[in-house]
Amino acid sequence: MQIEVISSVNEARADRFTHRTAIVIDVLRASSTMVAALEAGAPGIFPVETVLEARALQRPGHLLAGERFCRKIPGFDLGNSPDDFTPDNLRNRHVVLTTTNGTRAVHKAMRADNILAGALTNASACARAAAELRRDIVLLCAGNHDDFALEDGLCAGLLIEHLQNYCSSAVETDDFGTAMLGLYKNSSNRVADTIAGASTGKRLTKMGFGRDVQRCSQVDISSVVPRLQGDMIVNV
């Protein structure tokens, strides 16, 4: 199995996904939020790129969720904080989600045979599901605006480590993937501190989202694997 790692959404080209399984990674916070929403009982999430698309797609009973510049979009029901997505809030309601990078990354990967959402919180379950699909894999780090985000690289490294354990065939990765695997191994005993000290973690903490940073830094606490089916993300 071949694994390629893309450092940010702006580096993604459609031809890099053809006949492959894509895992979209946005640890802070879109992919972590998708895991939380499905775990809390949402039957599905519609990932869209723009606020206008989100409003146009809303139907009675749907919840609008998302962020711009890390803040909840005015007039939306929920932001992009995993803590917003509770069983009481959702009550089996579909979610229409738009975020700065995470939902854009999902759309960038549309040429893939399969699209999963990976986070630190569901890394083991996500890697196992990807291995069972028996396709070469592209790990798409959403990044922070136009730049690589350290937390996404850590997650990519963890996913590669799990994939090495779950795949029946030999796993080969590109140079960037090898670097991310090394990054994770060197940081595995201090993941939360590493993320809190990185640029996105610092910014979110300064804005009052320190709890989000802590929650999204937890490793392998969920068995939920968000997967795109049609235009909706559901639990595998």
Protein backbone atom coordinates (compact mmCIF):
# COMPACT_ATOMS: atom_id res chain seq x y z
CA MET A 1 0.00 0.00 0.00
CA GLN A 2 1.22 3.48 -0.92
CA ILE A 3 0.53 6.43 1.37
CA GLU A 4 0.97 10.02 0.24
CA VAL A 5 0.69 12.98 2.62
CA ILE A 6 -0.36 16.42 1.35
CA SER A 7 0.73 19.24 3.63
CA SER A 8 -2.19 21.65 3.18
CA VAL A 9 -5.41 22.05 1.25
CA ASN A 10 -3.80 24.49 -1.17
CA GLU A 11 -1.34 21.79 -2.26
CA ALA A 12 -4.13 19.37 -3.19
CA ARG A 13 -4.68 18.57 -6.87
CA ALA A 14 -7.57 16.46 -8.10
CA ASP A 15 -5.37 13.92 -9.89
CA ARG A 16 -3.64 12.96 -6.64
CA PHE A 17 -6.85 11.36 -5.36
CA THR A 18 -7.99 9.23 -8.30
CA HIS A 19 -8.58 5.55 -7.40
CA ARG A 20 -7.43 6.19 -3.82
CA THR A 21 -8.89 6.51 -0.35
CA ALA A 22 -8.57 10.04 1.01
CA ILE A 23 -8.40 10.82 4.71
CA VAL A 24 -9.08 14.49 5.39
CA ILE A 25 -7.35 15.71 8.55
CA ASP A 26 -8.29 18.93 10.32
CA VAL A 27 -7.52 18.29 13.98
CA LEU A 28 -8.32 21.88 15.03
CA ARG A 29 -11.15 21.50 14.45
CA ALA A 30 -13.35 20.33 11.56
CA SER A 31 -12.57 16.60 11.45
CA SER A 32 -12.64 16.40 15.26
CA THR A 33 -16.01 18.15 15.20
CA MET A 34 -17.36 15.72 12.59
CA VAL A 35 -16.43 12.84 14.87
CA ALA A 36 -18.10 14.56 17.83
CA ALA A 37 -21.28 15.36 15.87
CA LEU A 38 -21.78 11.80 14.61
CA GLU A 39 -20.95 10.39 18.03
CA ALA A 40 -23.60 12.65 19.56
CA GLY A 41 -26.26 11.26 17.25
CA ALA A 42 -26.33 13.37 14.09
CA PRO A 43 -27.49 11.09 11.26
CA GLY A 44 -25.36 13.00 8.77
CA ILE A 45 -23.30 16.10 8.02
CA PHE A 46 -23.42 18.08 4.77
CA PRO A 47 -19.95 19.61 4.24
CA VAL A 48 -20.09 22.78 2.14
CA GLU A 49 -17.48 25.35 1.18
CA THR A 50 -19.30 28.66 1.59
CA VAL A 51 -21.74 30.34 3.93
CA LEU A 52 -24.13 30.96 1.03
CA GLU A 53 -24.13 27.26 0.14
CA ALA A 54 -24.84 26.37 3.76
CA ARG A 55 -27.83 28.68 3.95
CA ALA A 56 -29.17 27.43 0.62
CA LEU A 57 -28.90 23.79 1.70
CA GLN A 58 -30.64 24.25 5.04
CA ARG A 59 -33.96 22.47 5.38
CA PRO A 60 -36.45 22.42 8.28
CA GLY A 61 -34.81 20.62 11.17
CA HIS A 62 -31.26 21.05 9.85
CA LEU A 63 -28.66 22.78 12.01
CA LEU A 64 -26.29 25.31 10.46
CA ALA A 65 -22.79 25.02 11.90
CA GLY A 66 -19.39 26.43 11.12
CA GLU A 67 -16.78 29.10 11.58
CA ARG A 68 -14.87 31.86 9.91
CA PHE A 69 -11.72 33.19 11.56
CA CYS A 70 -12.36 30.59 14.30
CA ARG A 71 -15.62 32.26 15.37
CA LYS A 72 -19.18 30.97 14.95
CA ILE A 73 -20.77 32.41 11.84
CA PRO A 74 -23.44 35.01 12.72
CA GLY A 75 -26.92 33.54 12.52
CA PHE A 76 -25.71 29.93 12.61
CA ASP A 77 -26.93 27.50 15.25
CA LEU A 78 -23.52 26.11 16.19
CA GLY A 79 -19.86 26.92 15.72
CA ASN A 80 -17.01 24.52 15.02
CA SER A 81 -16.38 23.47 18.61
CA PRO A 82 -16.79 19.75 19.37
CA ASP A 83 -18.44 20.69 22.66
CA ASP A 84 -21.28 22.36 20.73
CA PHE A 85 -22.38 18.99 19.36
CA THR A 86 -24.24 17.27 22.17
CA PRO A 87 -27.14 14.80 22.07
CA ASP A 88 -29.41 17.54 23.45
CA ASN A 89 -28.43 19.95 20.68
CA LEU A 90 -28.68 17.45 17.86
CA ARG A 91 -31.73 15.31 18.63
CA ASN A 92 -31.19 13.32 15.40
CA ARG A 93 -30.87 16.50 13.33
CA HIS A 94 -28.72 16.76 10.23
CA VAL A 95 -25.88 19.29 10.27
CA VAL A 96 -24.83 21.61 7.44
CA LEU A 97 -21.19 22.45 8.15
CA THR A 98 -18.83 24.99 6.61
CA THR A 99 -15.34 25.75 7.91
CA THR A 100 -12.35 27.70 6.68
CA ASN A 101 -10.26 24.71 5.63
CA GLY A 102 -11.78 21.39 6.70
CA THR A 103 -14.90 21.29 4.54
CA ARG A 104 -12.93 22.80 1.65
CA ALA A 105 -10.49 19.89 1.98
CA VAL A 106 -13.36 17.41 1.67
CA HIS A 107 -14.34 18.98 -1.64
CA LYS A 108 -10.73 19.00 -2.85
CA ALA A 109 -10.67 15.22 -2.37
CA MET A 110 -13.83 14.50 -4.37
CA ARG A 111 -11.98 12.48 -7.02
CA ALA A 112 -11.10 9.82 -4.42
CA ASP A 113 -12.90 6.49 -4.36
CA ASN A 114 -13.53 6.96 -0.63
CA ILE A 115 -13.29 9.99 1.65
CA LEU A 116 -12.91 9.59 5.42
CA ALA A 117 -12.39 12.21 8.12
CA GLY A 118 -9.46 11.53 10.41
CA ALA A 119 -8.57 13.13 13.71
CA LEU A 120 -6.44 12.26 16.69
CA THR A 121 -9.63 11.26 18.50
CA ASN A 122 -10.53 8.53 16.00
CA ALA A 123 -7.14 7.73 14.43
CA SER A 124 -7.10 4.00 15.15
CA ALA A 125 -10.67 3.41 13.94
CA CYS A 126 -10.11 5.57 10.88
CA ALA A 127 -6.89 3.78 9.92
CA ARG A 128 -8.56 0.39 10.32
CA ALA A 129 -11.48 1.47 8.11
CA ALA A 130 -9.10 2.82 5.48
CA ALA A 131 -7.00 -0.35 5.49
CA GLU A 132 -10.14 -2.45 4.93
CA LEU A 133 -10.95 -0.46 1.77
CA ARG A 134 -7.75 -1.83 0.15
CA ARG A 135 -6.80 1.26 -1.81
CA ASP A 136 -3.70 3.40 -1.79
CA ILE A 137 -4.21 6.28 0.62
CA VAL A 138 -3.82 10.05 0.49
CA LEU A 139 -3.69 11.87 3.82
CA LEU A 140 -4.81 15.45 3.21
CA CYS A 141 -3.78 17.82 5.99
CA ALA A 142 -6.23 20.73 5.83
CA GLY A 143 -3.77 23.13 7.43
CA ASN A 144 -4.22 26.58 8.86
CA HIS A 145 -5.46 28.97 6.18
CA ASP A 146 -2.76 28.58 3.51
CA ASP A 147 -0.11 26.95 5.70
CA PHE A 148 0.78 23.53 7.09
CA ALA A 149 -0.54 22.93 10.62
CA LEU A 150 1.60 20.92 13.04
CA GLU A 151 -1.38 19.18 14.65
CA ASP A 152 -2.50 17.80 11.27
CA GLY A 153 1.01 16.48 10.64
CA LEU A 154 1.02 14.75 14.02
CA CYS A 155 -2.27 13.10 13.16
CA ALA A 156 -0.94 12.01 9.76
CA GLY A 157 2.02 10.39 11.50
CA LEU A 158 -0.26 8.57 13.94
CA LEU A 159 -2.46 7.35 11.09
CA ILE A 160 0.59 6.01 9.25
CA GLU A 161 1.70 4.17 12.39
CA HIS A 162 -1.73 2.56 12.73
CA LEU A 163 -1.87 1.72 9.02
CA GLN A 164 1.45 -0.09 9.29
CA ASN A 165 -0.19 -2.31 11.89
CA TYR A 166 -3.51 -2.83 10.10
CA CYS A 167 -2.47 -3.36 6.48
CA SER A 168 -1.80 -6.90 5.34
CA SER A 169 0.65 -5.71 2.67
CA ALA A 170 3.78 -3.60 3.06
CA VAL A 171 3.17 0.10 3.65
CA GLU A 172 5.27 2.65 1.78
CA THR A 173 5.01 6.40 2.19
CA ASP A 174 6.48 9.48 0.60
CA ASP A 175 9.21 11.57 2.21
CA PHE A 176 6.77 13.95 3.86
CA GLY A 177 4.86 11.02 5.32
CA THR A 178 8.09 9.56 6.70
CA ALA A 179 8.81 12.91 8.32
CA MET A 180 5.34 13.07 9.86
CA LEU A 181 5.68 9.55 11.22
CA GLY A 182 8.94 10.61 12.86
CA LEU A 183 7.28 13.74 14.20
CA TYR A 184 4.54 11.70 15.84
CA LYS A 185 6.93 9.14 17.31
CA ASN A 186 9.04 11.92 18.80
CA SER A 187 5.97 13.61 20.28
CA SER A 188 3.77 10.65 21.18
CA ASN A 189 4.22 11.09 24.93
CA ARG A 190 3.40 14.82 24.83
CA VAL A 191 0.84 15.23 22.05
CA ALA A 192 -1.40 17.64 23.95
CA ASP A 193 1.48 19.90 25.00
CA THR A 194 2.89 19.89 21.47
CA ILE A 195 -0.43 20.95 19.96
CA ALA A 196 -1.10 23.56 22.65
CA GLY A 197 2.31 25.09 21.88
CA ALA A 198 1.82 25.16 18.11
CA SER A 199 0.48 28.22 16.32
CA THR A 200 -3.14 27.11 15.88
CA GLY A 201 -3.34 25.83 19.44
CA LYS A 202 -1.96 29.08 20.80
CA ARG A 203 -4.37 31.17 18.74
CA LEU A 204 -7.43 29.14 19.72
CA THR A 205 -6.45 29.23 23.38
CA LYS A 206 -6.01 32.98 23.23
CA MET A 207 -9.48 33.28 21.71
CA GLY A 208 -11.02 31.27 24.56
CA PHE A 209 -11.10 27.84 22.90
CA GLY A 210 -8.52 26.16 25.10
CA ARG A 211 -10.96 23.38 25.96
CA ASP A 212 -11.31 22.60 22.25
CA VAL A 213 -7.53 22.28 21.94
CA GLN A 214 -7.45 19.86 24.87
CA ARG A 215 -10.36 17.76 23.61
CA CYS A 216 -9.06 17.56 20.04
CA SER A 217 -5.63 16.46 21.34
CA GLN A 218 -6.96 13.24 22.89
CA VAL A 219 -5.80 10.15 21.04
CA ASP A 220 -8.01 7.22 20.02
CA ILE A 221 -11.00 7.95 22.24
CA SER A 222 -13.67 7.38 19.57
CA SER A 223 -14.65 4.54 17.26
CA VAL A 224 -16.62 6.84 14.95
CA VAL A 225 -15.33 7.07 11.36
CA PRO A 226 -16.95 9.85 9.30
CA ARG A 227 -17.26 8.82 5.64
CA LEU A 228 -18.67 10.73 2.70
CA GLN A 229 -21.60 8.99 1.03
CA GLY A 230 -23.02 11.06 -1.80
CA ASP A 231 -23.07 14.58 -0.48
CA MET A 232 -23.39 13.64 3.19
CA ILE A 233 -20.88 12.46 5.78
CA VAL A 234 -22.11 9.56 7.89
CA ASN A 235 -20.63 7.16 10.42
CA VAL A 236 -19.13 4.10 8.73
